N, C-alpha and C. Protein backbone atom coordinates (compact mmCIF):
# COMPACT_ATOMS: atom_id res chain seq x y z
N MET A 1 -7.23 -33.02 -4.73
CA MET A 1 -6.38 -31.85 -4.56
C MET A 1 -5.55 -32.03 -3.29
N PRO A 2 -4.22 -31.85 -3.36
CA PRO A 2 -3.37 -31.97 -2.16
C PRO A 2 -3.76 -30.94 -1.11
N ALA A 3 -3.41 -31.25 0.13
CA ALA A 3 -3.80 -30.40 1.26
C ALA A 3 -3.31 -28.97 1.10
N THR A 4 -2.09 -28.76 0.62
CA THR A 4 -1.58 -27.40 0.48
C THR A 4 -2.36 -26.65 -0.58
N GLN A 5 -2.76 -27.31 -1.65
CA GLN A 5 -3.56 -26.65 -2.68
C GLN A 5 -4.95 -26.32 -2.16
N GLU A 6 -5.49 -27.21 -1.33
CA GLU A 6 -6.79 -26.94 -0.73
C GLU A 6 -6.70 -25.72 0.18
N ALA A 7 -5.64 -25.66 0.97
CA ALA A 7 -5.46 -24.52 1.86
C ALA A 7 -5.30 -23.23 1.06
N TYR A 8 -4.55 -23.30 -0.03
CA TYR A 8 -4.36 -22.14 -0.89
C TYR A 8 -5.69 -21.70 -1.50
N ALA A 9 -6.48 -22.65 -1.98
CA ALA A 9 -7.79 -22.34 -2.56
C ALA A 9 -8.70 -21.72 -1.50
N ARG A 10 -8.65 -22.24 -0.28
CA ARG A 10 -9.45 -21.68 0.81
C ARG A 10 -9.04 -20.24 1.10
N LEU A 11 -7.72 -20.00 1.15
CA LEU A 11 -7.23 -18.65 1.40
C LEU A 11 -7.68 -17.69 0.30
N LEU A 12 -7.61 -18.13 -0.94
CA LEU A 12 -8.04 -17.27 -2.04
C LEU A 12 -9.53 -16.97 -1.95
N SER A 13 -10.33 -17.97 -1.59
CA SER A 13 -11.77 -17.75 -1.50
C SER A 13 -12.10 -16.79 -0.36
N GLU A 14 -11.29 -16.76 0.68
CA GLU A 14 -11.52 -15.83 1.79
C GLU A 14 -11.19 -14.40 1.40
N ALA A 15 -10.34 -14.22 0.43
CA ALA A 15 -9.94 -12.89 -0.02
C ALA A 15 -10.75 -12.51 -1.25
N GLN A 16 -12.06 -12.60 -1.13
CA GLN A 16 -12.97 -12.34 -2.24
C GLN A 16 -12.80 -10.96 -2.88
N PRO A 17 -12.67 -9.90 -2.10
CA PRO A 17 -12.69 -8.60 -2.76
C PRO A 17 -11.47 -8.40 -3.66
N ALA A 18 -11.73 -7.86 -4.84
CA ALA A 18 -10.63 -7.51 -5.73
C ALA A 18 -10.02 -6.19 -5.26
N VAL A 19 -10.79 -5.46 -4.45
CA VAL A 19 -10.36 -4.19 -3.90
C VAL A 19 -10.88 -4.12 -2.47
N ILE A 20 -10.07 -3.66 -1.57
CA ILE A 20 -10.51 -3.48 -0.18
C ILE A 20 -11.33 -2.20 -0.14
N GLU A 21 -12.55 -2.31 0.35
CA GLU A 21 -13.46 -1.16 0.36
C GLU A 21 -13.71 -0.59 1.76
N SER A 22 -13.48 -1.36 2.80
CA SER A 22 -13.83 -0.88 4.14
C SER A 22 -12.67 -1.12 5.12
N GLY A 23 -12.77 -0.41 6.21
CA GLY A 23 -11.77 -0.59 7.27
C GLY A 23 -11.80 -2.01 7.83
N ALA A 24 -13.00 -2.59 7.92
CA ALA A 24 -13.11 -3.96 8.43
C ALA A 24 -12.42 -4.95 7.49
N GLN A 25 -12.62 -4.78 6.19
CA GLN A 25 -11.93 -5.65 5.22
C GLN A 25 -10.43 -5.46 5.32
N TYR A 26 -10.02 -4.21 5.46
CA TYR A 26 -8.60 -3.90 5.58
C TYR A 26 -8.00 -4.60 6.79
N ASP A 27 -8.67 -4.49 7.93
CA ASP A 27 -8.17 -5.13 9.15
C ASP A 27 -8.07 -6.64 8.98
N SER A 28 -9.08 -7.23 8.38
CA SER A 28 -9.08 -8.68 8.18
C SER A 28 -7.95 -9.13 7.26
N ILE A 29 -7.82 -8.44 6.13
CA ILE A 29 -6.81 -8.83 5.15
C ILE A 29 -5.41 -8.51 5.66
N SER A 30 -5.23 -7.37 6.36
CA SER A 30 -3.89 -7.11 6.91
C SER A 30 -3.53 -8.11 7.99
N GLY A 31 -4.52 -8.59 8.73
CA GLY A 31 -4.25 -9.63 9.72
C GLY A 31 -3.77 -10.92 9.07
N GLN A 32 -4.43 -11.29 7.96
CA GLN A 32 -3.99 -12.48 7.21
C GLN A 32 -2.58 -12.28 6.66
N LEU A 33 -2.33 -11.08 6.13
CA LEU A 33 -1.01 -10.77 5.58
C LEU A 33 0.05 -10.87 6.68
N SER A 34 -0.23 -10.31 7.83
CA SER A 34 0.73 -10.36 8.94
C SER A 34 1.03 -11.79 9.35
N GLY A 35 -0.02 -12.61 9.40
CA GLY A 35 0.18 -14.02 9.75
C GLY A 35 1.09 -14.73 8.77
N LEU A 36 0.89 -14.44 7.49
CA LEU A 36 1.74 -15.07 6.47
C LEU A 36 3.17 -14.54 6.53
N VAL A 37 3.33 -13.28 6.79
CA VAL A 37 4.68 -12.70 6.91
C VAL A 37 5.41 -13.35 8.08
N ARG A 38 4.71 -13.53 9.20
CA ARG A 38 5.33 -14.13 10.38
C ARG A 38 5.78 -15.58 10.14
N LYS A 39 5.12 -16.26 9.22
CA LYS A 39 5.50 -17.66 8.95
C LYS A 39 6.90 -17.76 8.36
N GLY A 40 7.35 -16.70 7.74
CA GLY A 40 8.70 -16.68 7.18
C GLY A 40 8.96 -17.80 6.19
N ARG A 41 10.06 -18.49 6.39
CA ARG A 41 10.46 -19.54 5.45
C ARG A 41 9.58 -20.78 5.50
N SER A 42 8.71 -20.87 6.48
CA SER A 42 7.85 -22.05 6.56
C SER A 42 6.61 -21.91 5.67
N ARG A 43 6.47 -20.77 4.96
CA ARG A 43 5.37 -20.60 4.03
C ARG A 43 5.52 -21.55 2.86
N THR A 44 4.39 -22.03 2.36
CA THR A 44 4.40 -22.83 1.14
C THR A 44 4.49 -21.87 -0.04
N PRO A 45 4.86 -22.36 -1.22
CA PRO A 45 4.88 -21.47 -2.39
C PRO A 45 3.50 -20.83 -2.65
N GLY A 46 2.44 -21.59 -2.43
CA GLY A 46 1.09 -21.03 -2.60
C GLY A 46 0.81 -19.92 -1.61
N GLU A 47 1.23 -20.11 -0.37
CA GLU A 47 1.04 -19.08 0.64
C GLU A 47 1.86 -17.83 0.31
N THR A 48 3.03 -18.03 -0.25
CA THR A 48 3.85 -16.88 -0.63
C THR A 48 3.17 -16.09 -1.74
N ARG A 49 2.60 -16.79 -2.73
CA ARG A 49 1.87 -16.10 -3.80
C ARG A 49 0.67 -15.36 -3.22
N PHE A 50 -0.03 -16.02 -2.31
CA PHE A 50 -1.19 -15.40 -1.68
C PHE A 50 -0.77 -14.18 -0.87
N MET A 51 0.34 -14.28 -0.16
CA MET A 51 0.85 -13.16 0.63
C MET A 51 1.14 -11.96 -0.28
N LYS A 52 1.72 -12.22 -1.43
CA LYS A 52 2.01 -11.13 -2.38
C LYS A 52 0.72 -10.48 -2.89
N LEU A 53 -0.31 -11.29 -3.12
CA LEU A 53 -1.60 -10.76 -3.54
C LEU A 53 -2.19 -9.87 -2.44
N LEU A 54 -2.16 -10.35 -1.22
CA LEU A 54 -2.68 -9.56 -0.11
C LEU A 54 -1.91 -8.25 0.05
N ALA A 55 -0.60 -8.31 -0.16
CA ALA A 55 0.22 -7.10 -0.06
C ALA A 55 -0.20 -6.08 -1.11
N VAL A 56 -0.54 -6.54 -2.30
CA VAL A 56 -1.01 -5.63 -3.35
C VAL A 56 -2.34 -5.00 -2.94
N LEU A 57 -3.25 -5.81 -2.40
CA LEU A 57 -4.55 -5.28 -1.96
C LEU A 57 -4.37 -4.24 -0.86
N VAL A 58 -3.53 -4.56 0.12
CA VAL A 58 -3.30 -3.63 1.23
C VAL A 58 -2.61 -2.36 0.72
N GLY A 59 -1.63 -2.51 -0.14
CA GLY A 59 -0.94 -1.35 -0.70
C GLY A 59 -1.88 -0.45 -1.49
N ASP A 60 -2.78 -1.06 -2.26
CA ASP A 60 -3.75 -0.28 -3.02
C ASP A 60 -4.66 0.50 -2.08
N TYR A 61 -5.14 -0.15 -1.03
CA TYR A 61 -6.01 0.53 -0.06
C TYR A 61 -5.26 1.68 0.61
N ASP A 62 -4.02 1.42 1.02
CA ASP A 62 -3.21 2.47 1.64
C ASP A 62 -3.03 3.65 0.70
N GLN A 63 -2.76 3.35 -0.56
CA GLN A 63 -2.55 4.42 -1.53
C GLN A 63 -3.81 5.27 -1.69
N ARG A 64 -4.96 4.62 -1.68
CA ARG A 64 -6.22 5.35 -1.86
C ARG A 64 -6.70 6.04 -0.60
N ASN A 65 -6.30 5.55 0.57
CA ASN A 65 -6.89 6.06 1.80
C ASN A 65 -5.93 6.62 2.82
N ALA A 66 -4.69 6.21 2.80
CA ALA A 66 -3.80 6.61 3.89
C ALA A 66 -2.60 7.41 3.42
N LEU A 67 -2.27 7.35 2.15
CA LEU A 67 -1.11 8.09 1.66
C LEU A 67 -1.57 9.31 0.88
N PRO A 68 -0.83 10.38 0.96
CA PRO A 68 -1.24 11.58 0.23
C PRO A 68 -1.17 11.34 -1.27
N PRO A 69 -2.10 11.92 -2.01
CA PRO A 69 -2.04 11.80 -3.47
C PRO A 69 -0.74 12.40 -4.00
N ALA A 70 -0.29 11.89 -5.13
CA ALA A 70 0.94 12.40 -5.75
C ALA A 70 0.75 13.87 -6.14
N ARG A 71 1.84 14.58 -6.20
CA ARG A 71 1.86 15.99 -6.61
C ARG A 71 1.07 16.90 -5.67
N MET A 72 1.15 16.60 -4.42
CA MET A 72 0.52 17.44 -3.41
C MET A 72 1.60 18.33 -2.82
N ALA A 73 1.26 19.56 -2.53
CA ALA A 73 2.23 20.47 -1.91
C ALA A 73 2.66 19.88 -0.56
N PRO A 74 3.91 20.11 -0.15
CA PRO A 74 4.40 19.53 1.11
C PRO A 74 3.51 19.81 2.31
N GLU A 75 3.02 21.05 2.44
CA GLU A 75 2.16 21.37 3.58
C GLU A 75 0.82 20.63 3.50
N GLU A 76 0.30 20.43 2.28
CA GLU A 76 -0.94 19.67 2.11
C GLU A 76 -0.71 18.20 2.48
N ALA A 77 0.42 17.66 2.06
CA ALA A 77 0.75 16.27 2.39
C ALA A 77 0.89 16.11 3.90
N LEU A 78 1.52 17.08 4.55
CA LEU A 78 1.69 17.02 6.00
C LEU A 78 0.33 17.07 6.70
N ARG A 79 -0.54 17.97 6.26
CA ARG A 79 -1.89 18.05 6.85
C ARG A 79 -2.66 16.75 6.61
N PHE A 80 -2.55 16.22 5.39
CA PHE A 80 -3.23 14.96 5.03
C PHE A 80 -2.77 13.83 5.94
N LEU A 81 -1.47 13.70 6.10
CA LEU A 81 -0.93 12.62 6.93
C LEU A 81 -1.31 12.79 8.39
N LEU A 82 -1.31 14.01 8.88
CA LEU A 82 -1.74 14.25 10.26
C LEU A 82 -3.19 13.80 10.44
N GLU A 83 -4.03 14.20 9.51
CA GLU A 83 -5.46 13.87 9.60
C GLU A 83 -5.70 12.36 9.56
N HIS A 84 -4.99 11.67 8.67
CA HIS A 84 -5.23 10.24 8.49
C HIS A 84 -4.48 9.35 9.47
N SER A 85 -3.51 9.92 10.17
CA SER A 85 -2.74 9.10 11.09
C SER A 85 -3.24 9.19 12.53
N GLY A 86 -4.07 10.18 12.79
CA GLY A 86 -4.53 10.37 14.16
C GLY A 86 -3.54 11.14 15.02
N LYS A 87 -2.45 11.57 14.41
CA LYS A 87 -1.46 12.36 15.15
C LYS A 87 -1.94 13.81 15.22
N THR A 88 -1.33 14.58 16.09
CA THR A 88 -1.68 15.99 16.25
C THR A 88 -0.45 16.84 15.95
N PRO A 89 -0.64 18.13 15.73
CA PRO A 89 0.52 19.01 15.53
C PRO A 89 1.53 18.93 16.67
N ALA A 90 1.05 18.66 17.88
CA ALA A 90 1.97 18.54 19.03
C ALA A 90 2.95 17.39 18.82
N ASP A 91 2.56 16.36 18.06
CA ASP A 91 3.45 15.24 17.79
C ASP A 91 4.63 15.64 16.89
N LEU A 92 4.55 16.84 16.30
CA LEU A 92 5.61 17.30 15.39
C LEU A 92 6.58 18.26 16.03
N PHE A 93 6.41 18.55 17.32
CA PHE A 93 7.32 19.46 18.01
C PHE A 93 8.75 18.97 17.93
N SER A 94 8.94 17.66 18.02
CA SER A 94 10.30 17.12 17.99
C SER A 94 10.96 17.34 16.62
N VAL A 95 10.18 17.54 15.59
CA VAL A 95 10.72 17.77 14.25
C VAL A 95 11.02 19.25 14.05
N PHE A 96 10.08 20.11 14.44
CA PHE A 96 10.19 21.54 14.15
C PHE A 96 10.67 22.38 15.32
N GLY A 97 10.61 21.83 16.53
CA GLY A 97 11.15 22.54 17.69
C GLY A 97 10.20 23.44 18.41
N GLN A 98 9.30 24.10 17.70
CA GLN A 98 8.38 25.04 18.33
C GLN A 98 7.00 24.91 17.70
N ARG A 99 6.00 25.26 18.49
CA ARG A 99 4.62 25.21 17.99
C ARG A 99 4.45 26.15 16.79
N SER A 100 5.03 27.33 16.86
CA SER A 100 4.87 28.28 15.76
C SER A 100 5.49 27.74 14.47
N HIS A 101 6.59 27.01 14.58
CA HIS A 101 7.23 26.43 13.40
C HIS A 101 6.36 25.32 12.81
N VAL A 102 5.72 24.56 13.68
CA VAL A 102 4.79 23.51 13.20
C VAL A 102 3.66 24.17 12.42
N ASN A 103 3.05 25.20 13.02
CA ASN A 103 1.94 25.89 12.35
C ASN A 103 2.37 26.52 11.04
N GLU A 104 3.55 27.10 11.00
CA GLU A 104 4.05 27.71 9.76
C GLU A 104 4.26 26.64 8.69
N ALA A 105 4.79 25.49 9.06
CA ALA A 105 4.99 24.40 8.09
C ALA A 105 3.64 23.89 7.59
N LEU A 106 2.67 23.75 8.48
CA LEU A 106 1.34 23.27 8.08
C LEU A 106 0.62 24.25 7.17
N ASN A 107 0.94 25.53 7.31
CA ASN A 107 0.29 26.56 6.50
C ASN A 107 1.10 26.96 5.27
N GLY A 108 2.24 26.31 5.06
CA GLY A 108 3.06 26.60 3.88
C GLY A 108 3.89 27.85 4.00
N LYS A 109 3.99 28.42 5.18
CA LYS A 109 4.76 29.63 5.38
C LYS A 109 6.21 29.33 5.75
N ARG A 110 6.50 28.06 6.05
CA ARG A 110 7.86 27.64 6.39
C ARG A 110 8.18 26.42 5.55
N LYS A 111 9.28 26.49 4.84
CA LYS A 111 9.72 25.33 4.05
C LYS A 111 10.18 24.23 4.98
N ILE A 112 9.99 23.01 4.54
CA ILE A 112 10.44 21.84 5.30
C ILE A 112 11.84 21.49 4.81
N SER A 113 12.79 21.47 5.71
CA SER A 113 14.18 21.16 5.34
C SER A 113 14.32 19.67 5.06
N ALA A 114 15.44 19.32 4.46
CA ALA A 114 15.71 17.90 4.17
C ALA A 114 15.76 17.08 5.46
N GLU A 115 16.39 17.62 6.49
CA GLU A 115 16.47 16.90 7.77
C GLU A 115 15.08 16.73 8.38
N GLN A 116 14.27 17.77 8.32
CA GLN A 116 12.90 17.67 8.84
C GLN A 116 12.10 16.66 8.01
N ALA A 117 12.30 16.66 6.70
CA ALA A 117 11.60 15.71 5.83
C ALA A 117 11.95 14.28 6.20
N ARG A 118 13.22 14.03 6.52
CA ARG A 118 13.63 12.68 6.94
C ARG A 118 12.95 12.28 8.25
N LYS A 119 12.89 13.21 9.18
CA LYS A 119 12.23 12.92 10.46
C LYS A 119 10.73 12.68 10.27
N LEU A 120 10.09 13.51 9.44
CA LEU A 120 8.67 13.33 9.17
C LEU A 120 8.41 11.99 8.47
N ALA A 121 9.31 11.63 7.57
CA ALA A 121 9.17 10.36 6.85
C ALA A 121 9.18 9.19 7.82
N LYS A 122 10.02 9.27 8.84
CA LYS A 122 10.05 8.20 9.85
C LYS A 122 8.76 8.18 10.67
N ILE A 123 8.26 9.34 11.01
CA ILE A 123 7.03 9.41 11.81
C ILE A 123 5.85 8.82 11.04
N PHE A 124 5.76 9.16 9.74
CA PHE A 124 4.60 8.76 8.96
C PHE A 124 4.86 7.55 8.06
N ASN A 125 6.08 7.04 8.10
CA ASN A 125 6.45 5.87 7.30
C ASN A 125 6.18 6.10 5.80
N VAL A 126 6.68 7.22 5.30
CA VAL A 126 6.57 7.56 3.89
C VAL A 126 7.93 7.98 3.37
N ASN A 127 8.03 8.22 2.09
CA ASN A 127 9.26 8.69 1.46
C ASN A 127 9.47 10.17 1.84
N PRO A 128 10.68 10.57 2.19
CA PRO A 128 10.93 11.98 2.55
C PRO A 128 10.58 12.95 1.43
N GLY A 129 10.62 12.49 0.19
CA GLY A 129 10.30 13.36 -0.95
C GLY A 129 8.90 13.93 -0.91
N VAL A 130 8.02 13.31 -0.14
CA VAL A 130 6.64 13.80 0.00
C VAL A 130 6.65 15.22 0.57
N PHE A 131 7.66 15.56 1.37
CA PHE A 131 7.68 16.83 2.09
C PHE A 131 8.59 17.88 1.44
N ILE A 132 9.18 17.57 0.32
CA ILE A 132 10.11 18.52 -0.31
C ILE A 132 9.57 18.95 -1.65
């Protein structure tokens, strides 16, 4: 087996889980993914395929653990993202302007405008549609 195929086989064997189940696995696999992304054009075709596989695993874990479930009310999605991101309502003052506006948005008493949704999307790295 050529050296690149051996390296590819080794990488695949290291990524045993078909699904990431723990934070430790997530950290390990995202670290491998980051390393492959940084290689850029110097990646082998096998490494590129492996990188795509790791991206699917990481995306699946994010979807199950870090992103709000689909069809969630905007205020529920905002609370979910705050809880899972480690951010606090104070981190949203720049979006809503006042503490009372943050609390009203979190409780569903204040609609989130399109501009606020865009700002929140940048903060949480999600699609603005999550908040509308």
